């Protein structure tokens, strides 16, 4: 966004005027939180958004001040005009999250799908951020995808950041994982030796399981294929399968809402 500094009435700090959104026939002046001025058409906002006031409700000399940055609004307003919209494929998570929140806040319908789609690309690398986004806006598909991936993370941080609309469901969901974890730990019968190597293997399994709920998402690592005799291998497979069956029985997050 290239821009030109101009004075701003009543303020000591200058503002920057967006080159892209500086239309002579625009009837609405919008200022970003960092003093970027956008001149746009209120009829376009009315046509494609659900949370902006309708056209005609602004005075001719009235300015609107928004809490978003100029960079975010520069992207946002590209979706209100009949032109090719940005794909957002090069946006990092931080920028995309800010844009996605603005899109939901102002109900910019043409941008909702692409933001939803691009946010989903961060499932494997940033599941907590996706969970927060989905929780704020009730995207059940992403809630179901992200919820199991944050199990075993920093519980204090997750609980602190969990959006209020899904907080109770998160507490119940986490409790179900704790119950399953305890059942897997209790599945071991210590007075049933399979052979001379079972004690060594079982101690290894219990040690890994004892590291916390994250182990429940890494069962193939906790219960390796090799490392003992055939009899112990069968016992290991049985324990692992029991754990996997219990995990598979945990309901999807969205069913707890």
Protein backbone atom coordinates (compact mmCIF):
# COMPACT_ATOMS: atom_id res chain seq x y z
CA UNK A 1 0.00 0.00 0.00
CA UNK A 2 1.70 3.16 -1.21
CA UNK A 3 0.32 6.36 0.25
CA UNK A 4 0.80 10.08 0.62
CA UNK A 5 1.01 11.91 3.94
CA UNK A 6 -1.71 14.50 4.49
CA UNK A 7 -2.71 16.54 7.52
CA UNK A 8 -5.59 15.33 9.61
CA UNK A 9 -8.06 17.81 11.11
CA UNK A 10 -7.87 18.07 14.86
CA UNK A 11 -4.92 15.75 15.22
CA UNK A 12 -1.22 16.42 15.53
CA UNK A 13 -0.16 13.25 13.73
CA UNK A 14 -0.40 13.09 9.92
CA UNK A 15 -2.34 10.35 8.20
CA UNK A 16 -1.56 8.28 5.14
CA UNK A 17 -4.05 8.18 2.31
CA UNK A 18 -4.53 4.84 0.57
CA UNK A 19 -3.71 5.06 -3.13
CA UNK A 20 -5.99 2.16 -4.00
CA UNK A 21 -8.97 3.52 -2.07
CA UNK A 22 -8.82 7.25 -2.74
CA UNK A 23 -11.75 7.71 -5.09
CA UNK A 24 -13.00 11.18 -5.92
CA UNK A 25 -16.63 10.10 -6.03
CA UNK A 26 -16.47 8.17 -2.75
CA UNK A 27 -18.94 9.26 -0.10
CA UNK A 28 -17.34 7.67 2.95
CA UNK A 29 -14.05 8.36 4.72
CA UNK A 30 -12.74 5.57 6.92
CA UNK A 31 -9.68 5.91 9.13
CA UNK A 32 -7.70 2.93 10.35
CA UNK A 33 -6.23 2.64 13.83
CA UNK A 34 -2.82 3.69 12.50
CA UNK A 35 -4.13 6.77 10.66
CA UNK A 36 -4.62 5.48 7.13
CA UNK A 37 -7.49 7.14 5.27
CA UNK A 38 -9.69 5.12 2.90
CA UNK A 39 -12.24 6.85 0.69
CA UNK A 40 -14.79 4.28 -0.42
CA UNK A 41 -18.42 3.97 -1.51
CA UNK A 42 -20.96 3.23 1.20
CA UNK A 43 -23.25 1.49 -1.31
CA UNK A 44 -20.62 -1.18 -1.85
CA UNK A 45 -20.39 -1.78 1.87
CA UNK A 46 -24.15 -2.05 2.09
CA UNK A 47 -24.31 -4.51 -0.81
CA UNK A 48 -21.76 -7.07 0.38
CA UNK A 49 -21.46 -6.68 4.15
CA UNK A 50 -23.84 -7.28 7.01
CA UNK A 51 -22.37 -5.25 9.85
CA UNK A 52 -21.73 -1.81 8.36
CA UNK A 53 -24.51 0.82 8.56
CA UNK A 54 -26.52 1.15 5.33
CA UNK A 55 -25.67 3.78 2.76
CA UNK A 56 -27.31 7.12 3.43
CA UNK A 57 -26.89 6.80 7.19
CA UNK A 58 -23.63 8.79 7.19
CA UNK A 59 -23.39 12.54 7.06
CA UNK A 60 -21.44 13.88 4.11
CA UNK A 61 -18.63 15.15 6.32
CA UNK A 62 -18.70 12.27 8.75
CA UNK A 63 -15.66 10.02 9.12
CA UNK A 64 -15.64 6.47 10.45
CA UNK A 65 -12.82 5.31 12.71
CA UNK A 66 -12.09 1.60 12.85
CA UNK A 67 -9.87 -0.37 15.20
CA UNK A 68 -8.10 -2.35 12.47
CA UNK A 69 -4.75 -1.41 10.96
CA UNK A 70 -4.35 0.11 7.52
CA UNK A 71 -2.77 -3.09 6.21
CA UNK A 72 -5.78 -5.13 7.28
CA UNK A 73 -8.32 -2.68 5.85
CA UNK A 74 -6.37 -2.43 2.59
CA UNK A 75 -7.03 -6.13 2.09
CA UNK A 76 -10.54 -6.06 3.48
CA UNK A 77 -11.85 -3.34 1.19
CA UNK A 78 -10.62 -5.17 -1.91
CA UNK A 79 -13.48 -7.61 -1.33
CA UNK A 80 -16.25 -5.00 -1.49
CA UNK A 81 -15.71 -4.01 -5.14
CA UNK A 82 -16.61 -6.01 -8.29
CA UNK A 83 -13.06 -6.91 -9.21
CA UNK A 84 -10.74 -9.88 -8.90
CA UNK A 85 -10.28 -10.55 -5.21
CA UNK A 86 -6.93 -11.42 -3.59
CA UNK A 87 -6.19 -15.11 -3.01
CA UNK A 88 -4.37 -14.44 0.30
CA UNK A 89 -2.02 -17.34 -0.41
CA UNK A 90 1.07 -15.38 0.61
CA UNK A 91 -0.29 -14.08 3.89
CA UNK A 92 1.32 -15.34 7.07
CA UNK A 93 -0.78 -16.54 9.96
CA UNK A 94 -0.60 -13.28 11.90
CA UNK A 95 -1.81 -11.15 8.99
CA UNK A 96 -4.42 -13.69 7.94
CA UNK A 97 -5.80 -13.96 11.48
CA UNK A 98 -6.26 -10.20 11.71
CA UNK A 99 -7.98 -10.09 8.33
CA UNK A 100 -10.19 -13.06 9.15
CA UNK A 101 -11.33 -11.46 12.39
CA UNK A 102 -12.19 -8.23 10.56
CA UNK A 103 -14.06 -10.17 7.88
CA UNK A 104 -16.18 -11.89 10.52
CA UNK A 105 -16.65 -8.72 12.56
CA UNK A 106 -17.98 -6.69 9.63
CA UNK A 107 -19.56 -9.68 7.87
CA UNK A 108 -17.75 -9.14 4.60
CA UNK A 109 -19.37 -12.09 2.89
CA UNK A 110 -17.22 -12.23 -0.29
CA UNK A 111 -14.11 -12.71 1.87
CA UNK A 112 -15.44 -15.29 4.32
CA UNK A 113 -14.80 -18.40 2.25
CA UNK A 114 -11.25 -17.57 1.21
CA UNK A 115 -10.31 -16.62 4.79
CA UNK A 116 -11.87 -19.83 6.10
CA UNK A 117 -10.02 -21.86 3.48
CA UNK A 118 -6.65 -20.19 4.06
CA UNK A 119 -6.93 -20.48 7.85
CA UNK A 120 -7.39 -24.22 7.41
CA UNK A 121 -3.94 -24.45 5.83
CA UNK A 122 -2.44 -23.80 9.28
CA UNK A 123 -4.06 -26.84 10.90
CA UNK A 124 -0.87 -28.90 11.08
CA UNK A 125 1.45 -26.09 12.15
CA UNK A 126 -0.80 -23.88 14.32
CA UNK A 127 -3.80 -25.91 15.52
CA UNK A 128 -4.39 -23.70 18.56
CA UNK A 129 -4.70 -20.56 16.43
CA UNK A 130 -7.14 -22.37 14.18
CA UNK A 131 -9.08 -23.58 17.22
CA UNK A 132 -9.37 -20.02 18.52
CA UNK A 133 -10.58 -18.74 15.14
CA UNK A 134 -13.08 -21.57 14.81
CA UNK A 135 -14.28 -21.16 18.38
CA UNK A 136 -14.99 -17.47 17.97
CA UNK A 137 -17.00 -17.98 14.81
CA UNK A 138 -18.41 -21.51 15.26
CA UNK A 139 -16.70 -23.24 12.37
CA UNK A 140 -17.46 -26.77 13.52
CA UNK A 141 -15.31 -28.45 10.88
CA UNK A 142 -12.18 -26.73 12.17
CA UNK A 143 -13.17 -27.26 15.80
CA UNK A 144 -13.31 -30.99 15.15
CA UNK A 145 -10.02 -30.98 13.24
CA UNK A 146 -8.04 -28.81 15.64
CA UNK A 147 -9.30 -29.98 19.04
CA UNK A 148 -7.45 -33.34 19.17
CA UNK A 149 -4.27 -31.73 17.87
CA UNK A 150 -3.98 -29.38 20.85
CA UNK A 151 -4.42 -32.17 23.39
CA UNK A 152 -1.17 -32.41 25.32
CA UNK A 153 -0.22 -28.78 24.74
CA UNK A 154 0.27 -26.12 27.39
CA UNK A 155 -3.02 -26.51 29.24
CA UNK A 156 -2.73 -23.20 31.07
CA UNK A 157 -2.16 -21.29 27.83
CA UNK A 158 -4.87 -23.18 25.96
CA UNK A 159 -7.43 -22.63 28.71
CA UNK A 160 -6.57 -18.95 28.97
CA UNK A 161 -6.98 -18.37 25.24
CA UNK A 162 -9.98 -20.60 24.58
CA UNK A 163 -12.90 -18.47 23.32
CA UNK A 164 -15.74 -18.15 25.80
CA UNK A 165 -18.42 -19.63 23.47
CA UNK A 166 -16.59 -22.98 23.40
CA UNK A 167 -14.88 -22.90 26.81
CA UNK A 168 -17.29 -25.27 28.58
CA UNK A 169 -17.16 -27.71 25.67
CA UNK A 170 -13.36 -27.62 25.80
CA UNK A 171 -13.37 -28.48 29.52
CA UNK A 172 -15.64 -31.48 28.89
CA UNK A 173 -13.61 -32.57 25.89
CA UNK A 174 -10.35 -32.39 27.81
CA UNK A 175 -11.93 -34.38 30.62
CA UNK A 176 -12.83 -37.18 28.21
CA UNK A 177 -9.20 -37.41 27.08
CA UNK A 178 -8.09 -37.59 30.71
CA UNK A 179 -10.48 -40.47 31.34
CA UNK A 180 -9.18 -42.35 28.32
CA UNK A 181 -5.60 -41.71 29.37
CA UNK A 182 -6.27 -43.18 32.81
CA UNK A 183 -7.96 -46.25 31.32
CA UNK A 184 -4.95 -46.89 29.09
CA UNK A 185 -2.60 -46.62 32.07
CA UNK A 186 -4.77 -49.00 34.09
CA UNK A 187 -4.99 -51.55 31.28
CA UNK A 188 -1.57 -52.94 32.22
CA UNK A 189 -1.67 -55.90 34.63
CA UNK A 190 1.72 -55.96 36.39
CA UNK A 191 1.42 -59.53 37.75
CA UNK A 192 1.05 -61.08 34.30
CA UNK A 193 4.58 -61.54 33.00
CA UNK A 194 4.74 -62.64 29.37
CA UNK A 195 8.44 -63.35 29.33
CA UNK A 196 11.76 -62.06 30.57
CA UNK A 197 11.61 -58.92 28.37
CA UNK A 198 8.08 -57.84 29.23
CA UNK A 199 9.01 -55.96 32.39
CA UNK A 200 11.49 -53.86 30.46
CA UNK A 201 9.04 -53.11 27.66
CA UNK A 202 6.07 -52.40 29.90
CA UNK A 203 8.10 -49.98 31.99
CA UNK A 204 9.01 -48.16 28.79
CA UNK A 205 5.35 -47.96 27.74
CA UNK A 206 4.25 -46.69 31.14
CA UNK A 207 7.04 -44.15 31.21
CA UNK A 208 5.95 -42.75 27.85
CA UNK A 209 2.28 -42.77 28.80
CA UNK A 210 3.15 -41.01 32.03
CA UNK A 211 4.46 -37.97 30.16
CA UNK A 212 0.88 -36.76 29.73
CA UNK A 213 -1.97 -36.62 27.27
CA UNK A 214 0.30 -35.86 24.33
CA UNK A 215 1.31 -39.53 24.40
CA UNK A 216 -2.27 -40.46 23.54
CA UNK A 217 -1.79 -38.78 20.15
CA UNK A 218 1.47 -40.65 19.52
CA UNK A 219 0.51 -44.24 20.26
CA UNK A 220 2.60 -45.73 17.47
CA UNK A 221 5.64 -44.13 19.06
CA UNK A 222 4.66 -45.16 22.59
CA UNK A 223 4.13 -48.77 21.50
CA UNK A 224 6.88 -49.51 18.93
CA UNK A 225 6.65 -52.45 16.57
CA UNK A 226 9.89 -54.11 17.61
CA UNK A 227 11.87 -54.35 20.82
CA UNK A 228 10.80 -57.71 22.23
CA UNK A 229 9.89 -61.28 21.45
CA UNK A 230 6.83 -62.40 19.52
CA UNK A 231 4.78 -62.92 22.66
CA UNK A 232 5.62 -59.45 23.94
CA UNK A 233 4.87 -58.03 20.51
CA UNK A 234 1.36 -59.46 20.66
CA UNK A 235 0.87 -58.01 24.13
CA UNK A 236 2.12 -54.64 22.92
CA UNK A 237 -0.25 -54.72 19.95
CA UNK A 238 -3.16 -55.55 22.23
CA UNK A 239 -2.38 -52.67 24.58
CA UNK A 240 -1.94 -50.25 21.69
CA UNK A 241 -5.14 -51.34 19.98
CA UNK A 242 -7.04 -50.96 23.24
CA UNK A 243 -5.71 -47.40 23.50
CA UNK A 244 -6.60 -46.59 19.89
CA UNK A 245 -10.12 -47.91 20.34
CA UNK A 246 -10.63 -45.73 23.39
CA UNK A 247 -9.33 -42.64 21.57
CA UNK A 248 -11.56 -43.40 18.58
CA UNK A 249 -14.52 -43.46 20.96
CA UNK A 250 -13.99 -39.85 22.06
CA UNK A 251 -16.80 -37.80 20.47
CA UNK A 252 -16.04 -34.98 18.10
CA UNK A 253 -15.68 -31.61 19.74
CA UNK A 254 -18.67 -30.08 17.98
CA UNK A 255 -21.03 -32.62 19.57
CA UNK A 256 -20.24 -31.13 22.98
CA UNK A 257 -21.33 -27.60 22.08
